[in-house]
Amino acid sequence: MKPSMQTYYEDTVRAALTKELGCTNPHQVPALEKIVVTTHCGKATDRKQAVEDSVEEITKITGQKPSVSYARKSVANFKVREGEAVGARVTLRGKTMWEFLDRFIHITAPNIRDFRGISAKSFDGNGNYAVGIPDQSIFPEVELDQIKREIGFDLIFVTSAATDDYGRALMSALGMPFRDNKKEEEDSAA
């Protein structure tokens, strides 16, 4: 059974984007390829335990066990040695990607304190979008009384879009709750 978000993309979003962007070839229509969830434990004094906690939290949030990231070289100022575990990352594709996106848009993002939308300015020039999450408490999979330490995450939405405008159109059509910058500017001017 297909996730509802994937069905929504295939049945509604793809056709709407074809008209909106003027695509003549169906392969020109941007699609979501993967979602990468990463975290790094740079300042933790007990870095080894922090990485283990990060792996545990990402597993709860995504339903998939992440791989551990290791330092490529030693940096004395940051007290990091080459080969030391410094973070974790997981790449979501297919069914788990669509389910995670659905949960993020409809459940997780609105749980952010004082939520007024997510900034639409975090595109990388190639149609990919990144958003930073300050701590794991906004995810419903995490039990608040079980949190050992605050762990921040980066979510990278990798698309097949060639430009930021195409990527923004795709993410908006999927329902990403972008902040209305025009409305903010009007409110601040008044």
Protein backbone atom coordinates (compact mmCIF):
# COMPACT_ATOMS: atom_id res chain seq x y z
CA MET A 1 0.00 0.00 0.00
CA LYS A 2 1.36 3.41 -1.00
CA PRO A 3 1.68 6.17 1.59
CA SER A 4 -1.01 8.84 1.24
CA MET A 5 1.58 11.57 0.59
CA GLN A 6 3.05 9.63 -2.34
CA THR A 7 -0.42 9.09 -3.79
CA TYR A 8 -1.14 12.81 -3.35
CA TYR A 9 2.08 13.68 -5.21
CA GLU A 10 1.39 11.28 -8.08
CA ASP A 11 -2.30 12.15 -8.50
CA THR A 12 -2.45 15.87 -7.72
CA VAL A 13 0.92 17.59 -7.33
CA ARG A 14 2.59 16.23 -10.45
CA ALA A 15 -0.28 17.40 -12.71
CA ALA A 16 -0.46 20.81 -11.01
CA LEU A 17 3.30 21.35 -11.34
CA THR A 18 3.25 20.31 -15.00
CA LYS A 19 0.80 23.16 -15.71
CA GLU A 20 2.36 25.68 -13.30
CA LEU A 21 5.94 25.21 -14.49
CA GLY A 22 5.07 24.61 -18.14
CA CYS A 23 6.85 21.27 -18.32
CA THR A 24 6.48 19.45 -21.64
CA ASN A 25 8.31 16.30 -20.57
CA PRO A 26 7.06 14.40 -17.49
CA HIS A 27 10.67 13.95 -16.37
CA GLN A 28 11.04 17.73 -16.04
CA VAL A 29 8.51 17.81 -13.21
CA PRO A 30 10.46 18.02 -9.93
CA ALA A 31 10.19 15.12 -7.49
CA LEU A 32 11.38 14.44 -3.98
CA GLU A 33 14.28 11.98 -4.16
CA LYS A 34 15.32 11.54 -0.54
CA ILE A 35 15.33 13.09 2.92
CA VAL A 36 18.57 13.13 4.90
CA VAL A 37 18.40 13.52 8.70
CA THR A 38 21.72 14.42 10.33
CA THR A 39 22.97 15.43 13.74
CA HIS A 40 26.40 16.25 15.13
CA CYS A 41 27.65 16.22 18.71
CA GLY A 42 30.42 18.78 18.43
CA LYS A 43 30.58 20.31 21.92
CA ALA A 44 29.59 17.34 24.02
CA THR A 45 32.18 16.44 26.65
CA ASP A 46 30.96 12.85 26.67
CA ARG A 47 30.80 12.66 22.87
CA LYS A 48 30.66 8.86 22.68
CA GLN A 49 27.50 8.74 24.83
CA ALA A 50 26.05 11.74 22.95
CA VAL A 51 26.44 9.90 19.63
CA GLU A 52 24.74 6.81 21.10
CA ASP A 53 21.86 9.01 22.31
CA SER A 54 21.65 10.62 18.86
CA VAL A 55 21.47 7.23 17.16
CA GLU A 56 18.68 6.20 19.54
CA GLU A 57 16.68 9.41 18.95
CA ILE A 58 17.03 9.32 15.14
CA THR A 59 15.92 5.68 15.16
CA LYS A 60 12.78 6.64 17.10
CA ILE A 61 12.03 9.60 14.85
CA THR A 62 12.63 8.02 11.44
CA GLY A 63 12.05 4.32 12.09
CA GLN A 64 15.40 3.54 10.48
CA LYS A 65 18.77 3.02 12.16
CA PRO A 66 21.29 5.74 11.23
CA SER A 67 24.94 5.33 10.40
CA VAL A 68 27.54 6.96 12.65
CA SER A 69 29.66 9.81 11.25
CA TYR A 70 33.35 9.91 12.11
CA ALA A 71 35.81 12.82 12.16
CA ARG A 72 38.03 12.85 9.07
CA LYS A 73 40.90 14.65 10.74
CA SER A 74 42.00 15.79 14.17
CA VAL A 75 41.29 19.36 15.25
CA ALA A 76 42.89 20.32 18.56
CA ASN A 77 40.79 23.46 19.06
CA PHE A 78 37.59 21.40 18.96
CA LYS A 79 39.09 18.49 20.90
CA VAL A 80 38.27 16.10 18.07
CA ARG A 81 40.49 13.20 17.06
CA GLU A 82 40.57 11.56 13.67
CA GLY A 83 38.26 8.55 13.56
CA GLU A 84 36.22 9.66 16.58
CA ALA A 85 32.41 9.34 16.34
CA VAL A 86 30.93 12.85 16.04
CA GLY A 87 27.37 12.39 14.74
CA ALA A 88 24.78 10.29 12.99
CA ARG A 89 22.90 10.39 9.70
CA VAL A 90 20.12 8.50 7.99
CA THR A 91 18.85 8.71 4.41
CA LEU A 92 15.15 8.05 3.87
CA ARG A 93 13.86 6.95 0.48
CA GLY A 94 10.69 5.41 -0.88
CA LYS A 95 7.87 4.58 1.49
CA THR A 96 9.67 5.68 4.67
CA MET A 97 10.54 9.04 3.05
CA TRP A 98 6.92 9.77 2.13
CA GLU A 99 5.65 8.74 5.57
CA PHE A 100 8.28 10.90 7.31
CA LEU A 101 7.40 13.88 5.09
CA ASP A 102 3.71 13.46 5.86
CA ARG A 103 4.37 13.34 9.62
CA PHE A 104 6.76 16.31 9.43
CA ILE A 105 4.34 18.56 7.52
CA HIS A 106 1.14 17.70 9.36
CA ILE A 107 2.26 16.84 12.90
CA THR A 108 5.85 17.80 13.69
CA ALA A 109 6.24 21.27 12.15
CA PRO A 110 3.11 22.65 13.85
CA ASN A 111 4.57 21.44 17.19
CA ILE A 112 7.38 24.00 16.93
CA ARG A 113 6.99 26.66 19.61
CA ASP A 114 5.49 29.93 18.28
CA PHE A 115 5.12 28.30 14.86
CA ARG A 116 4.41 30.80 12.10
CA GLY A 117 5.84 28.75 9.26
CA ILE A 118 9.23 27.61 8.07
CA SER A 119 11.57 29.97 6.25
CA ALA A 120 11.49 29.55 2.48
CA LYS A 121 15.02 30.94 2.12
CA SER A 122 16.98 27.76 2.89
CA PHE A 123 17.35 26.47 -0.66
CA ASP A 124 20.86 25.64 -1.86
CA GLY A 125 20.71 26.90 -5.45
CA ASN A 126 19.99 23.44 -6.87
CA GLY A 127 16.41 23.02 -5.65
CA ASN A 128 17.27 21.20 -2.40
CA TYR A 129 15.83 22.48 0.87
CA ALA A 130 17.31 22.30 4.37
CA VAL A 131 15.73 23.07 7.72
CA GLY A 132 17.27 22.96 11.20
CA ILE A 133 15.39 21.56 14.17
CA PRO A 134 16.70 22.85 17.53
CA ASP A 135 15.67 19.83 19.60
CA GLN A 136 13.89 16.50 19.33
CA SER A 137 10.98 17.38 21.63
CA ILE A 138 8.78 18.49 18.70
CA PHE A 139 8.66 14.96 17.29
CA PRO A 140 5.68 12.97 18.61
CA GLU A 141 7.72 9.74 18.61
CA VAL A 142 9.93 11.09 21.39
CA GLU A 143 8.67 10.80 24.96
CA LEU A 144 9.50 14.02 26.79
CA ASP A 145 10.34 12.31 30.09
CA GLN A 146 12.80 9.99 28.29
CA ILE A 147 14.97 12.80 26.82
CA LYS A 148 18.55 12.54 28.12
CA ARG A 149 19.92 15.59 26.28
CA GLU A 150 18.75 18.08 23.69
CA ILE A 151 19.80 17.02 20.23
CA GLY A 152 19.41 19.28 17.18
CA PHE A 153 18.79 17.93 13.70
CA ASP A 154 19.20 19.04 10.12
CA LEU A 155 16.62 17.82 7.63
CA ILE A 156 17.67 18.02 3.99
CA PHE A 157 14.98 17.51 1.36
CA VAL A 158 16.77 16.48 -1.84
CA THR A 159 14.74 17.08 -4.99
CA SER A 160 15.24 16.52 -8.70
CA ALA A 161 14.51 20.22 -9.30
CA ALA A 162 17.09 22.12 -11.33
CA THR A 163 16.47 25.50 -9.69
CA ASP A 164 15.33 26.90 -6.36
CA ASP A 165 12.09 28.13 -7.90
CA TYR A 166 11.20 24.63 -9.07
CA GLY A 167 12.19 23.18 -5.67
CA ARG A 168 10.12 25.82 -3.84
CA ALA A 169 7.14 25.08 -6.11
CA LEU A 170 7.44 21.35 -5.36
CA MET A 171 7.75 21.77 -1.60
CA SER A 172 4.87 24.28 -1.52
CA ALA A 173 2.66 21.96 -3.56
CA LEU A 174 3.44 19.09 -1.17
CA GLY A 175 2.22 21.29 1.69
CA MET A 176 5.45 22.48 3.32
CA PRO A 177 4.29 25.22 5.73
CA PHE A 178 6.45 28.07 4.44
CA ARG A 179 6.30 31.41 6.23
CA ASP A 180 4.59 34.21 4.29
CA ASN A 181 7.39 36.79 4.07
CA LYS A 182 5.16 39.45 2.48
CA LYS A 183 2.72 39.28 5.38
CA GLU A 184 5.59 39.54 7.91
CA GLU A 185 6.98 42.62 6.17
CA GLU A 186 3.53 44.29 6.22
CA ASP A 187 3.06 43.48 9.93
CA SER A 188 6.48 44.83 10.88
CA ALA A 189 5.95 48.03 8.86
CA ALA A 190 2.61 48.76 10.56
